[in-house]
Amino acid sequence: MYFIMKLKVTNTKPLLPPIPHAGVLGIGRLAMQAESVIDHASHFNLESSNIHMRFASLITADQITVTAGQIHMEGDAALDVTGQSVI
């Protein structure tokens, strides 16, 4: 059995696609427009290289975990958590 994978090559190093993790939303760039809302019922786990939340945009969940290279939040943009985690 043979598998063919298309690879992008930069400076002679192949760039493999990221390995997905169960329960993690992986996005290259998340750009939320003004007053947009992501409302999640429980734990929201987000991985992104760049997050841009425009005016009054909102991400809400009981628990939020964000792994990002850059986060840009304009005025009144917010991450709203209602749950409490045990440290």
PDB file of N, CA and C in Angstrom:
ATOM      1  N   MET A   1       0.842  -1.164   0.000  1.00  0.00           N
ATOM      2  CA  MET A   1       0.000   0.000   0.000  1.00  0.00           C
ATOM      3  C   MET A   1       0.894   1.236   0.000  1.00  0.00           C
ATOM      4  N   TYR A   2       0.598   2.194  -0.853  1.00  0.00           N
ATOM      5  CA  TYR A   2       1.399   3.395  -0.960  1.00  0.00           C
ATOM      6  C   TYR A   2       0.545   4.617  -0.657  1.00  0.00           C
ATOM      7  N   PHE A   3       1.149   5.592   0.035  1.00  0.00           N
ATOM      8  CA  PHE A   3       0.494   6.863   0.315  1.00  0.00           C
ATOM      9  C   PHE A   3       1.307   7.955  -0.339  1.00  0.00           C
ATOM     10  N   ILE A   4       0.642   8.861  -1.013  1.00  0.00           N
ATOM     11  CA  ILE A   4       1.314   9.988  -1.648  1.00  0.00           C
ATOM     12  C   ILE A   4       0.910  11.246  -0.901  1.00  0.00           C
ATOM     13  N   MET A   5       1.897  12.001  -0.423  1.00  0.00           N
ATOM     14  CA  MET A   5       1.628  13.229   0.314  1.00  0.00           C
ATOM     15  C   MET A   5       2.277  14.382  -0.430  1.00  0.00           C
ATOM     16  N   LYS A   6       1.523  15.417  -0.690  1.00  0.00           N
ATOM     17  CA  LYS A   6       2.077  16.601  -1.326  1.00  0.00           C
ATOM     18  C   LYS A   6       2.680  17.485  -0.243  1.00  0.00           C
ATOM     19  N   LEU A   7       3.930  17.871  -0.401  1.00  0.00           N
ATOM     20  CA  LEU A   7       4.628  18.691   0.569  1.00  0.00           C
ATOM     21  C   LEU A   7       5.007  20.025  -0.048  1.00  0.00           C
ATOM     22  N   LYS A   8       4.936  21.081   0.761  1.00  0.00           N
ATOM     23  CA  LYS A   8       5.458  22.372   0.347  1.00  0.00           C
ATOM     24  C   LYS A   8       6.898  22.439   0.831  1.00  0.00           C
ATOM     25  N   VAL A   9       7.770  22.987   0.010  1.00  0.00           N
ATOM     26  CA  VAL A   9       9.177  23.041   0.375  1.00  0.00           C
ATOM     27  C   VAL A   9       9.619  24.495   0.436  1.00  0.00           C
ATOM     28  N   THR A  10      10.216  24.877   1.566  1.00  0.00           N
ATOM     29  CA  THR A  10      10.752  26.212   1.751  1.00  0.00           C
ATOM     30  C   THR A  10      12.185  26.065   2.250  1.00  0.00           C
ATOM     31  N   ASN A  11      13.126  26.648   1.554  1.00  0.00           N
ATOM     32  CA  ASN A  11      14.541  26.528   1.915  1.00  0.00           C
ATOM     33  C   ASN A  11      14.941  25.062   2.066  1.00  0.00           C
ATOM     34  N   THR A  12      14.439  24.229   1.189  1.00  0.00           N
ATOM     35  CA  THR A  12      14.717  22.794   1.120  1.00  0.00           C
ATOM     36  C   THR A  12      14.245  22.011   2.343  1.00  0.00           C
ATOM     37  N   LYS A  13      13.408  22.612   3.196  1.00  0.00           N
ATOM     38  CA  LYS A  13      12.844  21.882   4.332  1.00  0.00           C
ATOM     39  C   LYS A  13      11.355  21.661   4.065  1.00  0.00           C
ATOM     40  N   PRO A  14      10.876  20.430   4.078  1.00  0.00           N
ATOM     41  CA  PRO A  14       9.449  20.208   3.844  1.00  0.00           C
ATOM     42  C   PRO A  14       8.614  20.696   5.022  1.00  0.00           C
ATOM     43  N   LEU A  15       7.475  21.316   4.717  1.00  0.00           N
ATOM     44  CA  LEU A  15       6.540  21.774   5.744  1.00  0.00           C
ATOM     45  C   LEU A  15       5.375  20.799   5.781  1.00  0.00           C
ATOM     46  N   LEU A  16       5.318  19.995   6.810  1.00  0.00           N
ATOM     47  CA  LEU A  16       4.241  19.019   6.946  1.00  0.00           C
ATOM     48  C   LEU A  16       3.001  19.678   7.506  1.00  0.00           C
ATOM     49  N   PRO A  17       1.817  19.209   7.126  1.00  0.00           N
ATOM     50  CA  PRO A  17       0.599  19.766   7.718  1.00  0.00           C
ATOM     51  C   PRO A  17       0.569  19.451   9.207  1.00  0.00           C
ATOM     52  N   PRO A  18      -0.036  20.344  10.029  1.00  0.00           N
ATOM     53  CA  PRO A  18      -0.067  20.108  11.469  1.00  0.00           C
ATOM     54  C   PRO A  18      -0.883  18.862  11.815  1.00  0.00           C
ATOM     55  N   ILE A  19      -0.491  18.202  12.872  1.00  0.00           N
ATOM     56  CA  ILE A  19      -1.206  17.014  13.334  1.00  0.00           C
ATOM     57  C   ILE A  19      -2.373  17.482  14.201  1.00  0.00           C
ATOM     58  N   PRO A  20      -3.602  17.138  13.847  1.00  0.00           N
ATOM     59  CA  PRO A  20      -4.743  17.585  14.648  1.00  0.00           C
ATOM     60  C   PRO A  20      -4.784  16.884  16.002  1.00  0.00           C
ATOM     61  N   HIS A  21      -5.250  17.608  17.013  1.00  0.00           N
ATOM     62  CA  HIS A  21      -5.420  17.064  18.350  1.00  0.00           C
ATOM     63  C   HIS A  21      -6.910  16.954  18.651  1.00  0.00           C
ATOM     64  N   ALA A  22      -7.313  15.871  19.265  1.00  0.00           N
ATOM     65  CA  ALA A  22      -8.726  15.673  19.589  1.00  0.00           C
ATOM     66  C   ALA A  22      -9.214  16.782  20.523  1.00  0.00           C
ATOM     67  N   GLY A  23     -10.333  17.374  20.199  1.00  0.00           N
ATOM     68  CA  GLY A  23     -10.937  18.399  21.045  1.00  0.00           C
ATOM     69  C   GLY A  23     -10.325  19.773  20.906  1.00  0.00           C
ATOM     70  N   VAL A  24      -9.468  19.988  19.909  1.00  0.00           N
ATOM     71  CA  VAL A  24      -8.810  21.274  19.712  1.00  0.00           C
ATOM     72  C   VAL A  24      -9.211  21.832  18.364  1.00  0.00           C
ATOM     73  N   LEU A  25      -9.683  23.079  18.357  1.00  0.00           N
ATOM     74  CA  LEU A  25      -9.992  23.765  17.105  1.00  0.00           C
ATOM     75  C   LEU A  25      -8.721  24.461  16.651  1.00  0.00           C
ATOM     76  N   GLY A  26      -8.158  24.017  15.537  1.00  0.00           N
ATOM     77  CA  GLY A  26      -6.937  24.609  15.022  1.00  0.00           C
ATOM     78  C   GLY A  26      -7.231  25.461  13.800  1.00  0.00           C
ATOM     79  N   ILE A  27      -6.859  26.727  13.874  1.00  0.00           N
ATOM     80  CA  ILE A  27      -7.113  27.674  12.784  1.00  0.00           C
ATOM     81  C   ILE A  27      -5.819  28.433  12.537  1.00  0.00           C
ATOM     82  N   GLY A  28      -5.449  28.603  11.276  1.00  0.00           N
ATOM     83  CA  GLY A  28      -4.253  29.374  10.953  1.00  0.00           C
ATOM     84  C   GLY A  28      -4.400  30.828  11.363  1.00  0.00           C
ATOM     85  N   ARG A  29      -5.501  31.463  10.967  1.00  0.00           N
ATOM     86  CA  ARG A  29      -5.762  32.864  11.320  1.00  0.00           C
ATOM     87  C   ARG A  29      -7.247  33.032  11.600  1.00  0.00           C
ATOM     88  N   LEU A  30      -7.575  33.503  12.794  1.00  0.00           N
ATOM     89  CA  LEU A  30      -8.963  33.772  13.162  1.00  0.00           C
ATOM     90  C   LEU A  30      -9.166  35.280  13.163  1.00  0.00           C
ATOM     91  N   ALA A  31     -10.035  35.773  12.281  1.00  0.00           N
ATOM     92  CA  ALA A  31     -10.349  37.197  12.214  1.00  0.00           C
ATOM     93  C   ALA A  31     -11.832  37.365  12.506  1.00  0.00           C
ATOM     94  N   MET A  32     -12.156  37.898  13.679  1.00  0.00           N
ATOM     95  CA  MET A  32     -13.551  38.117  14.071  1.00  0.00           C
ATOM     96  C   MET A  32     -13.934  39.555  13.753  1.00  0.00           C
ATOM     97  N   GLN A  33     -15.028  39.721  13.030  1.00  0.00           N
ATOM     98  CA  GLN A  33     -15.500  41.053  12.674  1.00  0.00           C
ATOM     99  C   GLN A  33     -16.132  41.732  13.896  1.00  0.00           C
ATOM    100  N   ALA A  34     -16.384  43.017  13.802  1.00  0.00           N
ATOM    101  CA  ALA A  34     -16.959  43.782  14.909  1.00  0.00           C
ATOM    102  C   ALA A  34     -18.271  43.165  15.380  1.00  0.00           C
ATOM    103  N   GLU A  35     -18.404  43.042  16.692  1.00  0.00           N
ATOM    104  CA  GLU A  35     -19.598  42.534  17.373  1.00  0.00           C
ATOM    105  C   GLU A  35     -19.917  41.073  17.053  1.00  0.00           C
ATOM    106  N   SER A  36     -18.953  40.305  16.540  1.00  0.00           N
ATOM    107  CA  SER A  36     -19.199  38.883  16.309  1.00  0.00           C
ATOM    108  C   SER A  36     -19.007  38.112  17.610  1.00  0.00           C
ATOM    109  N   VAL A  37     -19.654  36.944  17.698  1.00  0.00           N
ATOM    110  CA  VAL A  37     -19.647  36.168  18.937  1.00  0.00           C
ATOM    111  C   VAL A  37     -19.376  34.699  18.633  1.00  0.00           C
ATOM    112  N   ILE A  38     -18.477  34.087  19.407  1.00  0.00           N
ATOM    113  CA  ILE A  38     -18.319  32.634  19.448  1.00  0.00           C
ATOM    114  C   ILE A  38     -18.774  32.230  20.835  1.00  0.00           C
ATOM    115  N   ASP A  39     -19.877  31.490  20.914  1.00  0.00           N
ATOM    116  CA  ASP A  39     -20.459  31.083  22.198  1.00  0.00           C
ATOM    117  C   ASP A  39     -20.369  29.569  22.284  1.00  0.00           C
ATOM    118  N   HIS A  40     -19.555  29.078  23.205  1.00  0.00           N
ATOM    119  CA  HIS A  40     -19.332  27.640  23.347  1.00  0.00           C
ATOM    120  C   HIS A  40     -19.858  27.202  24.712  1.00  0.00           C
ATOM    121  N   ALA A  41     -20.489  26.039  24.771  1.00  0.00           N
ATOM    122  CA  ALA A  41     -21.148  25.596  25.997  1.00  0.00           C
ATOM    123  C   ALA A  41     -20.177  25.150  27.090  1.00  0.00           C
ATOM    124  N   SER A  42     -19.057  24.532  26.710  1.00  0.00           N
ATOM    125  CA  SER A  42     -18.166  24.003  27.745  1.00  0.00           C
ATOM    126  C   SER A  42     -16.747  24.516  27.529  1.00  0.00           C
ATOM    127  N   HIS A  43     -15.766  23.615  27.493  1.00  0.00           N
ATOM    128  CA  HIS A  43     -14.370  23.998  27.335  1.00  0.00           C
ATOM    129  C   HIS A  43     -14.070  24.304  25.872  1.00  0.00           C
ATOM    130  N   PHE A  44     -13.608  25.523  25.591  1.00  0.00           N
ATOM    131  CA  PHE A  44     -13.244  25.941  24.240  1.00  0.00           C
ATOM    132  C   PHE A  44     -11.724  25.953  24.154  1.00  0.00           C
ATOM    133  N   ASN A  45     -11.158  25.062  23.337  1.00  0.00           N
ATOM    134  CA  ASN A  45      -9.711  24.908  23.207  1.00  0.00           C
ATOM    135  C   ASN A  45      -9.323  25.334  21.798  1.00  0.00           C
ATOM    136  N   LEU A  46      -8.596  26.437  21.666  1.00  0.00           N
ATOM    137  CA  LEU A  46      -8.284  27.035  20.368  1.00  0.00           C
ATOM    138  C   LEU A  46      -6.787  27.157  20.179  1.00  0.00           C
ATOM    139  N   GLU A  47      -6.299  26.698  19.020  1.00  0.00           N
ATOM    140  CA  GLU A  47      -4.910  26.908  18.618  1.00  0.00           C
ATOM    141  C   GLU A  47      -4.913  27.702  17.320  1.00  0.00           C
ATOM    142  N   SER A  48      -4.185  28.818  17.300  1.00  0.00           N
ATOM    143  CA  SER A  48      -4.147  29.670  16.115  1.00  0.00           C
ATOM    144  C   SER A  48      -2.830  30.428  16.079  1.00  0.00           C
ATOM    145  N   SER A  49      -2.328  30.679  14.885  1.00  0.00           N
ATOM    146  CA  SER A  49      -1.101  31.467  14.799  1.00  0.00           C
ATOM    147  C   SER A  49      -1.397  32.953  14.984  1.00  0.00           C
ATOM    148  N   ASN A  50      -2.596  33.395  14.589  1.00  0.00           N
ATOM    149  CA  ASN A  50      -2.939  34.807  14.664  1.00  0.00           C
ATOM    150  C   ASN A  50      -4.425  34.953  14.956  1.00  0.00           C
ATOM    151  N   ILE A  51      -4.764  35.685  16.011  1.00  0.00           N
ATOM    152  CA  ILE A  51      -6.164  35.961  16.355  1.00  0.00           C
ATOM    153  C   ILE A  51      -6.355  37.477  16.337  1.00  0.00           C
ATOM    154  N   HIS A  52      -7.345  37.941  15.575  1.00  0.00           N
ATOM    155  CA  HIS A  52      -7.666  39.364  15.517  1.00  0.00           C
ATOM    156  C   HIS A  52      -9.141  39.528  15.870  1.00  0.00           C
ATOM    157  N   MET A  53      -9.387  40.108  17.037  1.00  0.00           N
ATOM    158  CA  MET A  53     -10.763  40.334  17.498  1.00  0.00           C
ATOM    159  C   MET A  53     -11.071  41.825  17.366  1.00  0.00           C
ATOM    160  N   ARG A  54     -11.971  42.146  16.451  1.00  0.00           N
ATOM    161  CA  ARG A  54     -12.324  43.546  16.222  1.00  0.00           C
ATOM    162  C   ARG A  54     -13.283  44.053  17.299  1.00  0.00           C
ATOM    163  N   PHE A  55     -13.669  45.320  17.199  1.00  0.00           N
ATOM    164  CA  PHE A  55     -14.460  46.023  18.208  1.00  0.00           C
ATOM    165  C   PHE A  55     -15.645  45.193  18.707  1.00  0.00           C
ATOM    166  N   ALA A  56     -15.732  45.012  20.017  1.00  0.00           N
ATOM    167  CA  ALA A  56     -16.846  44.366  20.717  1.00  0.00           C
ATOM    168  C   ALA A  56     -17.083  42.915  20.297  1.00  0.00           C
ATOM    169  N   SER A  57     -16.068  42.238  19.750  1.00  0.00           N
ATOM    170  CA  SER A  57     -16.230  40.810  19.467  1.00  0.00           C
ATOM    171  C   SER A  57     -16.033  40.038  20.767  1.00  0.00           C
ATOM    172  N   LEU A  58     -16.599  38.830  20.828  1.00  0.00           N
ATOM    173  CA  LEU A  58     -16.654  38.111  22.092  1.00  0.00           C
ATOM    174  C   LEU A  58     -16.491  36.616  21.879  1.00  0.00           C
ATOM    175  N   ILE A  59     -15.652  35.985  22.706  1.00  0.00           N
ATOM    176  CA  ILE A  59     -15.574  34.532  22.790  1.00  0.00           C
ATOM    177  C   ILE A  59     -15.989  34.173  24.212  1.00  0.00           C
ATOM    178  N   THR A  60     -17.000  33.330  24.343  1.00  0.00           N
ATOM    179  CA  THR A  60     -17.503  32.978  25.667  1.00  0.00           C
ATOM    180  C   THR A  60     -17.635  31.472  25.807  1.00  0.00           C
ATOM    181  N   ALA A  61     -17.273  30.961  26.988  1.00  0.00           N
ATOM    182  CA  ALA A  61     -17.360  29.532  27.293  1.00  0.00           C
ATOM    183  C   ALA A  61     -17.179  29.355  28.799  1.00  0.00           C
ATOM    184  N   ASP A  62     -17.424  28.142  29.286  1.00  0.00           N
ATOM    185  CA  ASP A  62     -17.175  27.859  30.697  1.00  0.00           C
ATOM    186  C   ASP A  62     -15.688  27.924  31.004  1.00  0.00           C
ATOM    187  N   GLN A  63     -14.877  27.429  30.073  1.00  0.00           N
ATOM    188  CA  GLN A  63     -13.418  27.448  30.219  1.00  0.00           C
ATOM    189  C   GLN A  63     -12.820  27.674  28.836  1.00  0.00           C
ATOM    190  N   ILE A  64     -11.806  28.534  28.747  1.00  0.00           N
ATOM    191  CA  ILE A  64     -11.177  28.843  27.463  1.00  0.00           C
ATOM    192  C   ILE A  64      -9.673  28.606  27.578  1.00  0.00           C
ATOM    193  N   THR A  65      -9.128  27.854  26.632  1.00  0.00           N
ATOM    194  CA  THR A  65      -7.683  27.675  26.517  1.00  0.00           C
ATOM    195  C   THR A  65      -7.276  28.138  25.122  1.00  0.00           C
ATOM    196  N   VAL A  66      -6.377  29.126  25.073  1.00  0.00           N
ATOM    197  CA  VAL A  66      -5.934  29.673  23.790  1.00  0.00           C
ATOM    198  C   VAL A  66      -4.422  29.527  23.684  1.00  0.00           C
ATOM    199  N   THR A  67      -3.979  28.947  22.579  1.00  0.00           N
ATOM    200  CA  THR A  67      -2.559  28.890  22.244  1.00  0.00           C
ATOM    201  C   THR A  67      -2.409  29.661  20.940  1.00  0.00           C
ATOM    202  N   ALA A  68      -1.686  30.792  20.998  1.00  0.00           N
ATOM    203  CA  ALA A  68      -1.590  31.647  19.812  1.00  0.00           C
ATOM    204  C   ALA A  68      -0.231  32.315  19.734  1.00  0.00           C
ATOM    205  N   GLY A  69       0.192  32.601  18.507  1.00  0.00           N
ATOM    206  CA  GLY A  69       1.420  33.352  18.294  1.00  0.00           C
ATOM    207  C   GLY A  69       1.204  34.833  18.542  1.00  0.00           C
ATOM    208  N   GLN A  70       0.091  35.372  18.043  1.00  0.00           N
ATOM    209  CA  GLN A  70      -0.251  36.784  18.214  1.00  0.00           C
ATOM    210  C   GLN A  70      -1.743  36.911  18.469  1.00  0.00           C
ATOM    211  N   ILE A  71      -2.116  37.783  19.413  1.00  0.00           N
ATOM    212  CA  ILE A  71      -3.528  38.093  19.670  1.00  0.00           C
ATOM    213  C   ILE A  71      -3.680  39.608  19.617  1.00  0.00           C
ATOM    214  N   HIS A  72      -4.559  40.090  18.739  1.00  0.00           N
ATOM    215  CA  HIS A  72      -4.865  41.516  18.619  1.00  0.00           C
ATOM    216  C   HIS A  72      -6.315  41.698  19.042  1.00  0.00           C
ATOM    217  N   MET A  73      -6.537  42.503  20.087  1.00  0.00           N
ATOM    218  CA  MET A  73      -7.902  42.744  20.574  1.00  0.00           C
ATOM    219  C   MET A  73      -8.178  44.243  20.536  1.00  0.00           C
ATOM    220  N   GLU A  74      -9.192  44.626  19.756  1.00  0.00           N
ATOM    221  CA  GLU A  74      -9.583  46.029  19.688  1.00  0.00           C
ATOM    222  C   GLU A  74     -10.489  46.356  20.876  1.00  0.00           C
ATOM    223  N   GLY A  75     -10.884  47.618  20.990  1.00  0.00           N
ATOM    224  CA  GLY A  75     -11.698  48.082  22.109  1.00  0.00           C
ATOM    225  C   GLY A  75     -12.964  47.260  22.320  1.00  0.00           C
ATOM    226  N   ASP A  76     -13.258  46.924  23.561  1.00  0.00           N
ATOM    227  CA  ASP A  76     -14.432  46.166  24.006  1.00  0.00           C
ATOM    228  C   ASP A  76     -14.444  44.708  23.540  1.00  0.00           C
ATOM    229  N   ALA A  77     -13.389  44.224  22.893  1.00  0.00           N
ATOM    230  CA  ALA A  77     -13.296  42.793  22.571  1.00  0.00           C
ATOM    231  C   ALA A  77     -12.976  42.056  23.867  1.00  0.00           C
ATOM    232  N   ALA A  78     -13.510  40.828  24.018  1.00  0.00           N
ATOM    233  CA  ALA A  78     -13.332  40.142  25.297  1.00  0.00           C
ATOM    234  C   ALA A  78     -13.357  38.632  25.157  1.00  0.00           C
ATOM    235  N   LEU A  79     -12.680  37.966  26.105  1.00  0.00           N
ATOM    236  CA  LEU A  79     -12.801  36.534  26.338  1.00  0.00           C
ATOM    237  C   LEU A  79     -13.547  36.409  27.661  1.00  0.00           C
ATOM    238  N   ASP A  80     -14.725  35.809  27.646  1.00  0.00           N
ATOM    239  CA  ASP A  80     -15.571  35.755  28.839  1.00  0.00           C
ATOM    240  C   ASP A  80     -15.695  34.307  29.302  1.00  0.00           C
ATOM    241  N   VAL A  81     -15.226  34.035  30.511  1.00  0.00           N
ATOM    242  CA  VAL A  81     -15.331  32.683  31.069  1.00  0.00           C
ATOM    243  C   VAL A  81     -16.258  32.707  32.269  1.00  0.00           C
ATOM    244  N   THR A  82     -17.125  31.704  32.357  1.00  0.00           N
ATOM    245  CA  THR A  82     -18.062  31.644  33.474  1.00  0.00           C
ATOM    246  C   THR A  82     -17.728  30.527  34.437  1.00  0.00           C
ATOM    247  N   GLY A  83     -16.930  29.539  33.977  1.00  0.00           N
ATOM    248  CA  GLY A  83     -16.587  28.408  34.836  1.00  0.00           C
ATOM    249  C   GLY A  83     -15.334  28.702  35.641  1.00  0.00           C
ATOM    250  N   GLN A  84     -15.070  27.835  36.599  1.00  0.00           N
ATOM    251  CA  GLN A  84     -13.872  27.949  37.409  1.00  0.00           C
ATOM    252  C   GLN A  84     -13.092  26.661  37.284  1.00  0.00           C
ATOM    253  N   SER A  85     -11.787  26.785  37.142  1.00  0.00           N
ATOM    254  CA  SER A  85     -10.972  25.589  37.045  1.00  0.00           C
ATOM    255  C   SER A  85     -10.184  25.400  38.323  1.00  0.00           C
ATOM    256  N   VAL A  86      -9.846  24.167  38.621  1.00  0.00           N
ATOM    257  CA  VAL A  86      -9.055  23.850  39.805  1.00  0.00           C
ATOM    258  C   VAL A  86      -7.587  23.948  39.428  1.00  0.00           C
ATOM    259  N   ILE A  87      -6.824  24.698  40.214  1.00  0.00           N
ATOM    260  CA  ILE A  87      -5.402  24.873  39.921  1.00  0.00           C
ATOM    261  C   ILE A  87      -4.585  23.897  40.722  1.00  0.00           C
TER     262      ILE A  87
END
